[in-house]
Amino acid sequence: MYQRILVPVDGSTTSKRGLQEAIRLAALTGGRIRLLHVVDELSFALAMNGYVGYAGNWMEDLQKDGARVLADALAEVKAAGIAVDTVQHDNFGGTVHETITAEAINWPADLIVLGTHGRRGVGRLVLGSSAENVLRYATVPVLLVRAPEAAKAAAAGEAAAPLRVSLPTAALAIE
């Protein structure tokens, strides 16, 4: 049961929480973990926006950052004594969720574990949800792990903080 666990990582707190759950599960089942990082069109576009005027190699920077994210996650899994390997995809031919679900088929994974921010309403509508799409299109079971702040709010029975959307000078801004 769940011997091959695919864990997409991006270095976020939510991603790290998913990794921690995957480590616990692999320890219980004697399974192995494959860590996956995807450099996609959106991360490339955001990097370009962050380096306006910089003439460096954006793709190389994103690949190095992805390698660092994978190395950090790899060290955490190895410290727990779990068998692990890593893979990084530079994906400009599809979405992140397509890359994750394809990796789950090609490896082949028994389970996908990933963190989710637990967005609802306008936040999910505007920002989309890679986790939701993985859940929808994966051919193997998917374990979604909520963000720490979303999990705390749900446990306390609190409503999520309202999402404010403003349109300054006709550009969409999300707070």
Protein backbone atom coordinates (compact mmCIF):
# COMPACT_ATOMS: atom_id res chain seq x y z
CA MET A 1 0.00 0.00 0.00
CA TYR A 2 1.41 3.36 -1.08
CA GLN A 3 4.93 2.17 -1.80
CA ARG A 4 5.66 4.85 -4.40
CA ILE A 5 4.70 8.34 -3.23
CA LEU A 6 5.05 11.31 -5.59
CA VAL A 7 5.54 14.64 -3.82
CA PRO A 8 5.55 17.85 -5.89
CA VAL A 9 7.58 20.53 -4.07
CA ASP A 10 8.02 24.26 -4.64
CA GLY A 11 9.67 25.38 -1.40
CA SER A 12 6.54 26.99 0.04
CA THR A 13 5.33 26.37 3.59
CA THR A 14 2.36 24.50 2.18
CA SER A 15 4.59 22.30 0.04
CA LYS A 16 6.79 21.54 3.06
CA ARG A 17 3.73 20.51 5.04
CA GLY A 18 2.78 18.08 2.27
CA LEU A 19 6.31 16.68 2.31
CA GLN A 20 6.16 16.11 6.07
CA GLU A 21 2.93 14.12 5.66
CA ALA A 22 4.46 12.09 2.83
CA ILE A 23 7.48 11.27 5.01
CA ARG A 24 5.20 10.06 7.82
CA LEU A 25 3.21 7.95 5.39
CA ALA A 26 6.31 6.45 3.74
CA ALA A 27 7.72 5.59 7.17
CA LEU A 28 4.50 3.75 8.04
CA THR A 29 4.27 1.83 4.76
CA GLY A 30 7.98 1.29 4.11
CA GLY A 31 7.52 3.22 0.87
CA ARG A 32 9.77 5.46 -1.17
CA ILE A 33 9.31 9.06 -2.24
CA ARG A 34 9.91 10.79 -5.54
CA LEU A 35 10.29 14.55 -5.21
CA LEU A 36 9.15 16.56 -8.23
CA HIS A 37 9.76 20.22 -9.03
CA VAL A 38 8.26 21.88 -12.10
CA VAL A 39 9.57 25.05 -13.74
CA ASP A 40 6.63 26.20 -15.87
CA GLU A 41 5.58 29.16 -17.98
CA LEU A 42 4.02 30.98 -15.02
CA SER A 43 7.14 30.78 -12.86
CA PHE A 44 9.19 31.91 -15.87
CA ALA A 45 6.87 34.89 -16.47
CA LEU A 46 6.94 35.85 -12.77
CA ALA A 47 10.74 35.66 -12.76
CA MET A 48 10.90 37.94 -15.79
CA ASN A 49 8.63 40.43 -14.03
CA GLY A 50 10.83 40.30 -10.92
CA TYR A 51 14.00 40.99 -12.92
CA VAL A 52 12.84 43.89 -15.06
CA GLY A 53 15.93 45.37 -16.62
CA TYR A 54 18.11 42.39 -15.67
CA ALA A 55 19.75 40.75 -18.67
CA GLY A 56 20.62 37.46 -16.95
CA ASN A 57 19.47 34.00 -17.79
CA TRP A 58 16.05 33.66 -16.14
CA MET A 59 15.61 30.02 -16.99
CA GLU A 60 18.98 29.13 -15.48
CA ASP A 61 18.05 31.00 -12.29
CA LEU A 62 14.72 29.15 -12.06
CA GLN A 63 16.45 25.81 -12.63
CA LYS A 64 19.00 26.59 -9.90
CA ASP A 65 16.22 27.58 -7.52
CA GLY A 66 14.37 24.36 -8.33
CA ALA A 67 17.53 22.35 -7.71
CA ARG A 68 17.89 24.08 -4.32
CA VAL A 69 14.26 23.29 -3.43
CA LEU A 70 14.80 19.65 -4.40
CA ALA A 71 18.10 19.44 -2.46
CA ASP A 72 16.46 20.81 0.70
CA ALA A 73 13.55 18.37 0.42
CA LEU A 74 15.92 15.50 -0.42
CA ALA A 75 17.96 16.17 2.74
CA GLU A 76 14.78 16.15 4.86
CA VAL A 77 13.60 12.82 3.43
CA LYS A 78 17.04 11.21 3.74
CA ALA A 79 17.26 12.38 7.37
CA ALA A 80 14.06 10.41 8.01
CA GLY A 81 15.65 7.28 6.52
CA ILE A 82 13.23 7.07 3.59
CA ALA A 83 14.31 5.95 0.10
CA VAL A 84 14.05 8.97 -2.20
CA ASP A 85 14.90 10.31 -5.63
CA THR A 86 14.28 13.61 -7.38
CA VAL A 87 13.21 14.87 -10.77
CA GLN A 88 12.88 18.38 -12.17
CA HIS A 89 10.84 19.23 -15.25
CA ASP A 90 11.09 22.38 -17.33
CA ASN A 91 7.59 22.49 -18.71
CA PHE A 92 6.49 24.87 -21.42
CA GLY A 93 4.20 22.45 -23.20
CA GLY A 94 1.51 22.13 -20.56
CA THR A 95 0.38 23.03 -17.09
CA VAL A 96 1.88 22.06 -13.75
CA HIS A 97 -0.97 19.67 -13.01
CA GLU A 98 -0.47 17.93 -16.37
CA THR A 99 3.21 17.44 -15.57
CA ILE A 100 2.41 16.06 -12.11
CA THR A 101 -0.23 13.63 -13.36
CA ALA A 102 2.02 12.49 -16.24
CA GLU A 103 4.89 11.87 -13.80
CA ALA A 104 2.53 9.85 -11.59
CA ILE A 105 1.71 7.62 -14.57
CA ASN A 106 5.26 7.33 -15.94
CA TRP A 107 7.01 6.60 -12.64
CA PRO A 108 4.41 4.90 -11.66
CA ALA A 109 3.18 6.35 -8.36
CA ASP A 110 0.73 4.75 -5.95
CA LEU A 111 -0.14 8.10 -4.36
CA ILE A 112 0.40 11.83 -4.91
CA VAL A 113 0.83 14.00 -1.81
CA LEU A 114 0.76 17.77 -2.19
CA GLY A 115 0.06 20.86 -0.19
CA THR A 116 -2.85 23.14 -0.97
CA HIS A 117 -3.66 26.64 0.20
CA GLY A 118 -7.33 25.71 0.55
CA ARG A 119 -8.50 28.79 -1.34
CA ARG A 120 -12.20 29.21 -1.85
CA GLY A 121 -14.49 31.52 -3.72
CA VAL A 122 -12.94 34.36 -5.69
CA GLY A 123 -9.40 33.44 -4.64
CA ARG A 124 -9.72 30.00 -6.20
CA LEU A 125 -11.60 31.35 -9.20
CA VAL A 126 -9.02 34.04 -9.96
CA LEU A 127 -5.84 32.19 -9.02
CA GLY A 128 -6.90 28.70 -10.04
CA SER A 129 -5.80 25.60 -8.21
CA SER A 130 -3.12 23.22 -9.39
CA ALA A 131 -4.02 20.96 -6.46
CA GLU A 132 -7.66 20.85 -7.52
CA ASN A 133 -6.68 19.96 -11.07
CA VAL A 134 -4.30 17.23 -9.88
CA LEU A 135 -7.15 15.85 -7.79
CA ARG A 136 -9.47 15.99 -10.78
CA TYR A 137 -7.14 14.40 -13.38
CA ALA A 138 -4.86 12.05 -11.44
CA THR A 139 -5.26 8.33 -12.08
CA VAL A 140 -3.97 7.47 -8.58
CA PRO A 141 -5.16 8.54 -5.11
CA VAL A 142 -4.25 12.09 -4.07
CA LEU A 143 -3.65 13.31 -0.52
CA LEU A 144 -4.13 17.07 -0.20
CA VAL A 145 -2.54 18.68 2.83
CA ARG A 146 -3.92 22.08 3.82
CA ALA A 147 -1.77 25.11 4.57
CA PRO A 148 -1.00 25.53 8.28
CA GLU A 149 -3.02 28.73 8.59
CA ALA A 150 -6.01 27.22 6.74
CA ALA A 151 -5.85 24.09 8.93
CA LYS A 152 -5.74 26.19 12.14
CA ALA A 153 -8.71 28.29 11.03
CA ALA A 154 -10.72 25.20 10.10
CA ALA A 155 -9.93 23.52 13.43
CA ALA A 156 -11.01 26.63 15.31
CA GLY A 157 -14.20 26.88 13.25
CA GLU A 158 -13.20 30.28 11.96
CA ALA A 159 -14.15 31.61 8.58
CA ALA A 160 -11.28 32.32 6.22
CA ALA A 161 -10.16 35.92 6.06
CA PRO A 162 -12.02 37.78 3.34
CA LEU A 163 -10.27 38.18 0.03
CA ARG A 164 -10.16 41.74 -1.19
CA VAL A 165 -10.00 42.39 -4.91
CA SER A 166 -9.47 45.86 -6.29
CA LEU A 167 -9.13 47.14 -9.80
CA PRO A 168 -6.66 50.05 -9.71
CA THR A 169 -6.36 51.60 -13.13
CA ALA A 170 -8.13 48.59 -14.64
CA ALA A 171 -5.42 46.13 -13.52
CA LEU A 172 -6.49 43.26 -11.31
CA ALA A 173 -4.90 43.29 -7.85
CA ILE A 174 -5.39 40.50 -5.34
CA GLU A 175 -4.64 41.05 -1.66
